[in-house]
PDB file of N, CA and C in Angstrom:
ATOM      1  N   MET A   1      11.447  17.597 -38.673  1.00  0.00           N
ATOM      2  CA  MET A   1      11.768  17.858 -37.276  1.00  0.00           C
ATOM      3  C   MET A   1      13.274  17.646 -37.088  1.00  0.00           C
ATOM      4  N   ASP A   2      13.911  18.634 -36.514  1.00  0.00           N
ATOM      5  CA  ASP A   2      15.345  18.485 -36.291  1.00  0.00           C
ATOM      6  C   ASP A   2      15.611  17.578 -35.084  1.00  0.00           C
ATOM      7  N   LYS A   3      16.844  17.212 -34.910  1.00  0.00           N
ATOM      8  CA  LYS A   3      17.257  16.270 -33.864  1.00  0.00           C
ATOM      9  C   LYS A   3      16.869  16.764 -32.467  1.00  0.00           C
ATOM     10  N   VAL A   4      17.114  18.043 -32.195  1.00  0.00           N
ATOM     11  CA  VAL A   4      16.806  18.613 -30.878  1.00  0.00           C
ATOM     12  C   VAL A   4      15.309  18.533 -30.610  1.00  0.00           C
ATOM     13  N   SER A   5      14.492  18.928 -31.562  1.00  0.00           N
ATOM     14  CA  SER A   5      13.040  18.884 -31.385  1.00  0.00           C
ATOM     15  C   SER A   5      12.558  17.457 -31.181  1.00  0.00           C
ATOM     16  N   GLN A   6      13.152  16.521 -31.910  1.00  0.00           N
ATOM     17  CA  GLN A   6      12.768  15.122 -31.778  1.00  0.00           C
ATOM     18  C   GLN A   6      13.085  14.600 -30.373  1.00  0.00           C
ATOM     19  N   ILE A   7      14.268  14.918 -29.890  1.00  0.00           N
ATOM     20  CA  ILE A   7      14.665  14.478 -28.546  1.00  0.00           C
ATOM     21  C   ILE A   7      13.788  15.132 -27.484  1.00  0.00           C
ATOM     22  N   GLU A   8      13.488  16.419 -27.643  1.00  0.00           N
ATOM     23  CA  GLU A   8      12.606  17.102 -26.684  1.00  0.00           C
ATOM     24  C   GLU A   8      11.225  16.460 -26.662  1.00  0.00           C
ATOM     25  N   ALA A   9      10.697  16.095 -27.828  1.00  0.00           N
ATOM     26  CA  ALA A   9       9.394  15.448 -27.906  1.00  0.00           C
ATOM     27  C   ALA A   9       9.433  14.093 -27.205  1.00  0.00           C
ATOM     28  N   GLU A  10      10.511  13.343 -27.410  1.00  0.00           N
ATOM     29  CA  GLU A  10      10.657  12.040 -26.748  1.00  0.00           C
ATOM     30  C   GLU A  10      10.739  12.196 -25.235  1.00  0.00           C
ATOM     31  N   ILE A  11      11.453  13.218 -24.787  1.00  0.00           N
ATOM     32  CA  ILE A  11      11.574  13.473 -23.350  1.00  0.00           C
ATOM     33  C   ILE A  11      10.212  13.837 -22.762  1.00  0.00           C
ATOM     34  N   ARG A  12       9.430  14.642 -23.469  1.00  0.00           N
ATOM     35  CA  ARG A  12       8.081  14.998 -22.989  1.00  0.00           C
ATOM     36  C   ARG A  12       7.215  13.751 -22.878  1.00  0.00           C
ATOM     37  N   GLN A  13       7.296  12.873 -23.861  1.00  0.00           N
ATOM     38  CA  GLN A  13       6.526  11.628 -23.820  1.00  0.00           C
ATOM     39  C   GLN A  13       6.963  10.761 -22.644  1.00  0.00           C
ATOM     40  N   MET A  14       8.265  10.659 -22.448  1.00  0.00           N
ATOM     41  CA  MET A  14       8.786   9.865 -21.337  1.00  0.00           C
ATOM     42  C   MET A  14       8.352  10.451 -19.994  1.00  0.00           C
ATOM     43  N   ALA A  15       8.366  11.763 -19.895  1.00  0.00           N
ATOM     44  CA  ALA A  15       7.953  12.420 -18.659  1.00  0.00           C
ATOM     45  C   ALA A  15       6.484  12.148 -18.365  1.00  0.00           C
ATOM     46  N   ALA A  16       5.657  12.149 -19.409  1.00  0.00           N
ATOM     47  CA  ALA A  16       4.226  11.875 -19.223  1.00  0.00           C
ATOM     48  C   ALA A  16       4.016  10.439 -18.758  1.00  0.00           C
ATOM     49  N   VAL A  17       4.728   9.500 -19.360  1.00  0.00           N
ATOM     50  CA  VAL A  17       4.631   8.093 -18.941  1.00  0.00           C
ATOM     51  C   VAL A  17       5.110   7.942 -17.503  1.00  0.00           C
ATOM     52  N   TYR A  18       6.217   8.571 -17.187  1.00  0.00           N
ATOM     53  CA  TYR A  18       6.772   8.507 -15.832  1.00  0.00           C
ATOM     54  C   TYR A  18       5.770   9.045 -14.813  1.00  0.00           C
ATOM     55  N   ALA A  19       5.128  10.166 -15.128  1.00  0.00           N
ATOM     56  CA  ALA A  19       4.147  10.763 -14.212  1.00  0.00           C
ATOM     57  C   ALA A  19       2.970   9.813 -13.986  1.00  0.00           C
ATOM     58  N   ARG A  20       2.496   9.168 -15.046  1.00  0.00           N
ATOM     59  CA  ARG A  20       1.386   8.208 -14.904  1.00  0.00           C
ATOM     60  C   ARG A  20       1.807   7.014 -14.047  1.00  0.00           C
ATOM     61  N   LYS A  21       3.002   6.522 -14.287  1.00  0.00           N
ATOM     62  CA  LYS A  21       3.492   5.369 -13.519  1.00  0.00           C
ATOM     63  C   LYS A  21       3.656   5.735 -12.050  1.00  0.00           C
ATOM     64  N   CYS A  22       4.169   6.931 -11.782  1.00  0.00           N
ATOM     65  CA  CYS A  22       4.325   7.367 -10.393  1.00  0.00           C
ATOM     66  C   CYS A  22       2.979   7.480  -9.701  1.00  0.00           C
ATOM     67  N   SER A  23       1.996   8.009 -10.403  1.00  0.00           N
ATOM     68  CA  SER A  23       0.660   8.141  -9.841  1.00  0.00           C
ATOM     69  C   SER A  23       0.072   6.762  -9.540  1.00  0.00           C
ATOM     70  N   ALA A  24       0.224   5.841 -10.479  1.00  0.00           N
ATOM     71  CA  ALA A  24      -0.290   4.483 -10.280  1.00  0.00           C
ATOM     72  C   ALA A  24       0.428   3.801  -9.121  1.00  0.00           C
ATOM     73  N   LEU A  25       1.727   4.006  -9.034  1.00  0.00           N
ATOM     74  CA  LEU A  25       2.500   3.405  -7.954  1.00  0.00           C
ATOM     75  C   LEU A  25       2.083   3.981  -6.597  1.00  0.00           C
ATOM     76  N   ALA A  26       1.831   5.266  -6.541  1.00  0.00           N
ATOM     77  CA  ALA A  26       1.389   5.895  -5.294  1.00  0.00           C
ATOM     78  C   ALA A  26       0.040   5.327  -4.857  1.00  0.00           C
ATOM     79  N   LYS A  27      -0.863   5.115  -5.815  1.00  0.00           N
ATOM     80  CA  LYS A  27      -2.169   4.530  -5.484  1.00  0.00           C
ATOM     81  C   LYS A  27      -2.014   3.096  -4.998  1.00  0.00           C
ATOM     82  N   LEU A  28      -1.130   2.345  -5.632  1.00  0.00           N
ATOM     83  CA  LEU A  28      -0.873   0.971  -5.220  1.00  0.00           C
ATOM     84  C   LEU A  28      -0.280   0.927  -3.818  1.00  0.00           C
ATOM     85  N   GLN A  29       0.645   1.827  -3.548  1.00  0.00           N
ATOM     86  CA  GLN A  29       1.255   1.884  -2.223  1.00  0.00           C
ATOM     87  C   GLN A  29       0.219   2.223  -1.157  1.00  0.00           C
ATOM     88  N   GLU A  30      -0.668   3.153  -1.468  1.00  0.00           N
ATOM     89  CA  GLU A  30      -1.726   3.528  -0.527  1.00  0.00           C
ATOM     90  C   GLU A  30      -2.647   2.340  -0.250  1.00  0.00           C
ATOM     91  N   ALA A  31      -3.025   1.617  -1.297  1.00  0.00           N
ATOM     92  CA  ALA A  31      -3.890   0.442  -1.131  1.00  0.00           C
ATOM     93  C   ALA A  31      -3.177  -0.640  -0.327  1.00  0.00           C
ATOM     94  N   TYR A  32      -1.892  -0.838  -0.591  1.00  0.00           N
ATOM     95  CA  TYR A  32      -1.108  -1.837   0.134  1.00  0.00           C
ATOM     96  C   TYR A  32      -1.049  -1.486   1.625  1.00  0.00           C
ATOM     97  N   CYS A  33      -0.768  -0.237   1.925  1.00  0.00           N
ATOM     98  CA  CYS A  33      -0.687   0.201   3.325  1.00  0.00           C
ATOM     99  C   CYS A  33      -2.036   0.039   4.025  1.00  0.00           C
ATOM    100  N   SER A  34      -3.108   0.345   3.327  1.00  0.00           N
ATOM    101  CA  SER A  34      -4.443   0.199   3.890  1.00  0.00           C
ATOM    102  C   SER A  34      -4.726  -1.267   4.227  1.00  0.00           C
ATOM    103  N   LYS A  35      -4.389  -2.168   3.293  1.00  0.00           N
ATOM    104  CA  LYS A  35      -4.588  -3.600   3.539  1.00  0.00           C
ATOM    105  C   LYS A  35      -3.716  -4.081   4.684  1.00  0.00           C
ATOM    106  N   LEU A  36      -2.489  -3.609   4.745  1.00  0.00           N
ATOM    107  CA  LEU A  36      -1.593  -4.000   5.818  1.00  0.00           C
ATOM    108  C   LEU A  36      -2.137  -3.542   7.170  1.00  0.00           C
ATOM    109  N   ASN A  37      -2.674  -2.329   7.228  1.00  0.00           N
ATOM    110  CA  ASN A  37      -3.276  -1.838   8.471  1.00  0.00           C
ATOM    111  C   ASN A  37      -4.467  -2.691   8.876  1.00  0.00           C
ATOM    112  N   LYS A  38      -5.303  -3.073   7.899  1.00  0.00           N
ATOM    113  CA  LYS A  38      -6.451  -3.935   8.198  1.00  0.00           C
ATOM    114  C   LYS A  38      -5.989  -5.282   8.739  1.00  0.00           C
ATOM    115  N   LEU A  39      -4.934  -5.823   8.143  1.00  0.00           N
ATOM    116  CA  LEU A  39      -4.391  -7.095   8.613  1.00  0.00           C
ATOM    117  C   LEU A  39      -3.895  -6.979  10.048  1.00  0.00           C
ATOM    118  N   LEU A  40      -3.152  -5.924  10.341  1.00  0.00           N
ATOM    119  CA  LEU A  40      -2.629  -5.737  11.691  1.00  0.00           C
ATOM    120  C   LEU A  40      -3.757  -5.557  12.703  1.00  0.00           C
ATOM    121  N   GLU A  41      -4.801  -4.803  12.326  1.00  0.00           N
ATOM    122  CA  GLU A  41      -5.947  -4.611  13.212  1.00  0.00           C
ATOM    123  C   GLU A  41      -6.666  -5.929  13.456  1.00  0.00           C
ATOM    124  N   ALA A  42      -6.851  -6.731  12.401  1.00  0.00           N
ATOM    125  CA  ALA A  42      -7.530  -8.020  12.538  1.00  0.00           C
ATOM    126  C   ALA A  42      -6.722  -8.964  13.422  1.00  0.00           C
ATOM    127  N   LYS A  43      -5.406  -8.980  13.252  1.00  0.00           N
ATOM    128  CA  LYS A  43      -4.561  -9.832  14.097  1.00  0.00           C
ATOM    129  C   LYS A  43      -4.615  -9.382  15.555  1.00  0.00           C
ATOM    130  N   ALA A  44      -4.586  -8.081  15.773  1.00  0.00           N
ATOM    131  CA  ALA A  44      -4.654  -7.557  17.139  1.00  0.00           C
ATOM    132  C   ALA A  44      -5.988  -7.917  17.786  1.00  0.00           C
ATOM    133  N   ALA A  45      -7.074  -7.803  17.026  1.00  0.00           N
ATOM    134  CA  ALA A  45      -8.393  -8.163  17.562  1.00  0.00           C
ATOM    135  C   ALA A  45      -8.438  -9.649  17.889  1.00  0.00           C
ATOM    136  N   ARG A  46      -7.878 -10.471  17.005  1.00  0.00           N
ATOM    137  CA  ARG A  46      -7.850 -11.913  17.250  1.00  0.00           C
ATOM    138  C   ARG A  46      -7.042 -12.224  18.505  1.00  0.00           C
ATOM    139  N   ASP A  47      -5.911 -11.555  18.649  1.00  0.00           N
ATOM    140  CA  ASP A  47      -5.065 -11.785  19.821  1.00  0.00           C
ATOM    141  C   ASP A  47      -5.761 -11.347  21.107  1.00  0.00           C
ATOM    142  N   ARG A  48      -6.514 -10.238  21.032  1.00  0.00           N
ATOM    143  CA  ARG A  48      -7.250  -9.773  22.216  1.00  0.00           C
ATOM    144  C   ARG A  48      -8.320 -10.792  22.602  1.00  0.00           C
ATOM    145  N   ARG A  49      -9.032 -11.335  21.593  1.00  0.00           N
ATOM    146  CA  ARG A  49     -10.054 -12.341  21.870  1.00  0.00           C
ATOM    147  C   ARG A  49      -9.418 -13.590  22.459  1.00  0.00           C
ATOM    148  N   SER A  50      -8.292 -13.990  21.918  1.00  0.00           N
ATOM    149  CA  SER A  50      -7.579 -15.169  22.405  1.00  0.00           C
ATOM    150  C   SER A  50      -7.130 -14.965  23.844  1.00  0.00           C
ATOM    151  N   THR A  51      -6.597 -13.795  24.132  1.00  0.00           N
ATOM    152  CA  THR A  51      -6.144 -13.475  25.480  1.00  0.00           C
ATOM    153  C   THR A  51      -7.321 -13.431  26.442  1.00  0.00           C
ATOM    154  N   ALA A  52      -8.433 -12.870  26.020  1.00  0.00           N
ATOM    155  CA  ALA A  52      -9.620 -12.801  26.878  1.00  0.00           C
ATOM    156  C   ALA A  52     -10.142 -14.205  27.156  1.00  0.00           C
ATOM    157  N   GLY A  53     -10.134 -15.069  26.149  1.00  0.00           N
ATOM    158  CA  GLY A  53     -10.594 -16.442  26.342  1.00  0.00           C
ATOM    159  C   GLY A  53      -9.692 -17.199  27.290  1.00  0.00           C
ATOM    160  N   THR A  54      -8.408 -16.975  27.226  1.00  0.00           N
ATOM    161  CA  THR A  54      -7.452 -17.624  28.119  1.00  0.00           C
ATOM    162  C   THR A  54      -7.679 -17.155  29.541  1.00  0.00           C
ATOM    163  N   ARG A  55      -7.936 -15.869  29.721  1.00  0.00           N
ATOM    164  CA  ARG A  55      -8.188 -15.335  31.066  1.00  0.00           C
ATOM    165  C   ARG A  55      -9.455 -15.948  31.662  1.00  0.00           C
ATOM    166  N   GLU A  56     -10.501 -16.098  30.836  1.00  0.00           N
ATOM    167  CA  GLU A  56     -11.742 -16.681  31.326  1.00  0.00           C
ATOM    168  C   GLU A  56     -11.515 -18.106  31.779  1.00  0.00           C
ATOM    169  N   ARG A  57     -10.772 -18.891  31.031  1.00  0.00           N
ATOM    170  CA  ARG A  57     -10.495 -20.272  31.409  1.00  0.00           C
ATOM    171  C   ARG A  57      -9.665 -20.317  32.687  1.00  0.00           C
ATOM    172  N   ASP A  58      -8.701 -19.417  32.811  1.00  0.00           N
ATOM    173  CA  ASP A  58      -7.872 -19.362  33.992  1.00  0.00           C
ATOM    174  C   ASP A  58      -8.679 -18.963  35.232  1.00  0.00           C
ATOM    175  N   ASP A  59      -9.650 -18.086  35.072  1.00  0.00           N
ATOM    176  CA  ASP A  59     -10.471 -17.628  36.185  1.00  0.00           C
ATOM    177  C   ASP A  59     -11.365 -18.734  36.719  1.00  0.00           C
ATOM    178  N   HIS A  60     -11.733 -19.699  35.868  1.00  0.00           N
ATOM    179  CA  HIS A  60     -12.631 -20.774  36.274  1.00  0.00           C
ATOM    180  C   HIS A  60     -11.885 -21.888  36.988  1.00  0.00           C
ATOM    181  N   HIS A  61     -10.578 -21.874  36.974  1.00  0.00           N
ATOM    182  CA  HIS A  61      -9.798 -22.943  37.624  1.00  0.00           C
ATOM    183  C   HIS A  61      -9.392 -22.577  39.013  1.00  0.00           C
TER     184      HIS A  61
END
């Protein structure tokens, strides 16, 4: 194998690895965003419950 063919083969291998890593990173980012959204929704629900409980206590006074 001449030098050019060897370098082209290495570049193809690197490109394949890069594509796999990008795909894995995209999946990780999607999972992270999904978890972050769940966290924000859970915090908002907790805050709504807390606010509703405070209003109920205030209404009884």
